Amino acid sequence: MTIEEAQQIVDNWINTTGVRYFNELTNMAMLTEEVGEVARIIARRYGEQSFKESDKHKELADELADVLFVLICIANQTGVDLTEALQKNLDKKTKRDADRHRNNEKLK
């Protein structure tokens, strides 16, 4: 599925199953919450924290998908074409960082 298709699928889901979009502030709070859940899994799986019993069943892929879903909701309701935005962002990074990372001693 393309990013454009994902935006359309989420929009269709919101307008049928979800009834309507939550407002932008609610979605921002939800995005923050979902990113926190991703951080919790990463801290336990790749960091030094141990899993709590209640966290052992959580899947990173599912939590990342939650982040993506809410991010797409915010893009849809604010009129952002994520395909175009990502391409512009990659172009910016390519120009700005053409030699920066290659010359970073910390990355060698």
Protein backbone atom coordinates (compact mmCIF):
# COMPACT_ATOMS: atom_id res chain seq x y z
CA MET A 1 0.00 0.00 0.00
CA THR A 2 1.25 3.47 -0.81
CA ILE A 3 1.19 6.36 1.63
CA GLU A 4 -1.57 7.96 -0.44
CA GLU A 5 -3.61 4.76 -0.24
CA ALA A 6 -3.01 4.59 3.51
CA GLN A 7 -4.31 8.13 3.93
CA GLN A 8 -7.45 7.23 1.96
CA ILE A 9 -8.00 3.96 3.86
CA VAL A 10 -7.69 5.72 7.22
CA ASP A 11 -10.05 8.46 6.06
CA ASN A 12 -12.60 5.88 4.94
CA TRP A 13 -12.28 4.02 8.25
CA ILE A 14 -12.69 7.20 10.28
CA ASN A 15 -15.80 8.24 8.32
CA THR A 16 -17.47 4.82 8.57
CA THR A 17 -16.30 2.98 11.68
CA GLY A 18 -14.83 5.88 13.63
CA VAL A 19 -17.76 8.26 12.91
CA ARG A 20 -15.49 11.36 12.75
CA TYR A 21 -11.96 12.52 13.45
CA PHE A 22 -11.08 13.49 17.00
CA ASN A 23 -9.97 17.12 17.07
CA GLU A 24 -6.33 17.94 16.35
CA LEU A 25 -5.42 18.48 20.01
CA THR A 26 -6.90 15.13 21.02
CA ASN A 27 -5.05 13.42 18.19
CA MET A 28 -1.80 15.11 19.22
CA ALA A 29 -2.26 13.80 22.76
CA MET A 30 -3.05 10.35 21.36
CA LEU A 31 0.07 10.46 19.17
CA THR A 32 2.18 11.32 22.21
CA GLU A 33 0.61 8.43 24.13
CA GLU A 34 1.27 5.97 21.30
CA VAL A 35 4.90 7.13 20.92
CA GLY A 36 5.27 6.56 24.66
CA GLU A 37 4.08 2.98 24.23
CA VAL A 38 6.70 2.46 21.51
CA ALA A 39 9.35 3.94 23.81
CA ARG A 40 8.28 1.61 26.61
CA ILE A 41 8.74 -1.49 24.42
CA ILE A 42 12.10 -0.29 23.05
CA ALA A 43 13.38 0.54 26.55
CA ARG A 44 12.53 -2.96 27.69
CA ARG A 45 13.45 -4.96 24.61
CA TYR A 46 16.66 -3.12 23.66
CA GLY A 47 17.44 -1.15 26.80
CA GLU A 48 18.16 -2.11 30.35
CA GLN A 49 14.65 -2.08 31.78
CA SER A 50 12.84 -5.34 32.39
CA PHE A 51 9.33 -6.07 31.18
CA LYS A 52 6.45 -5.77 33.59
CA GLU A 53 4.05 -8.69 33.38
CA SER A 54 1.42 -6.38 31.83
CA ASP A 55 3.83 -5.32 29.04
CA LYS A 56 5.06 -8.75 27.95
CA HIS A 57 2.28 -9.27 25.40
CA LYS A 58 2.73 -5.92 23.63
CA GLU A 59 4.12 -6.01 20.10
CA LEU A 60 6.37 -3.30 18.68
CA ALA A 61 4.81 -3.64 15.22
CA ASP A 62 1.31 -3.05 16.59
CA GLU A 63 2.41 0.00 18.58
CA LEU A 64 4.26 1.45 15.57
CA ALA A 65 1.09 0.93 13.52
CA ASP A 66 -0.85 2.85 16.19
CA VAL A 67 1.62 5.74 15.82
CA LEU A 68 1.27 5.65 12.04
CA PHE A 69 -2.54 5.56 12.22
CA VAL A 70 -2.76 8.65 14.44
CA LEU A 71 -0.09 10.44 12.39
CA ILE A 72 -2.14 9.79 9.26
CA CYS A 73 -5.26 11.07 11.03
CA ILE A 74 -3.48 14.32 11.87
CA ALA A 75 -2.22 14.65 8.29
CA ASN A 76 -5.67 14.02 6.86
CA GLN A 77 -7.47 16.49 9.06
CA THR A 78 -4.87 19.22 8.48
CA GLY A 79 -4.65 18.72 4.71
CA VAL A 80 -1.11 17.34 4.58
CA ASP A 81 -0.24 15.05 1.67
CA LEU A 82 2.25 12.74 3.40
CA THR A 83 3.70 11.45 0.12
CA GLU A 84 4.57 14.98 -0.96
CA ALA A 85 5.72 15.98 2.53
CA LEU A 86 8.02 12.96 2.85
CA GLN A 87 9.53 13.57 -0.60
CA LYS A 88 10.22 17.22 0.22
CA ASN A 89 11.71 16.20 3.56
CA LEU A 90 14.00 13.63 1.94
CA ASP A 91 15.10 16.20 -0.65
CA LYS A 92 15.90 18.67 2.15
CA LYS A 93 17.87 16.07 4.11
CA THR A 94 19.76 14.93 1.00
CA LYS A 95 20.90 18.47 0.20
CA ARG A 96 21.65 19.43 3.79
CA ASP A 97 23.37 16.21 4.81
CA ALA A 98 25.13 15.27 1.56
CA ASP A 99 28.51 15.00 3.31
CA ARG A 100 27.61 15.54 6.94
CA HIS A 101 27.08 11.90 7.95
CA ARG A 102 29.85 10.58 5.74
CA ASN A 103 32.28 12.94 7.47
CA ASN A 104 31.03 12.21 10.99
CA GLU A 105 33.82 10.39 12.86
CA LYS A 106 31.26 9.04 15.34
CA LEU A 107 29.63 7.01 12.56
CA LYS A 108 32.80 5.28 11.36
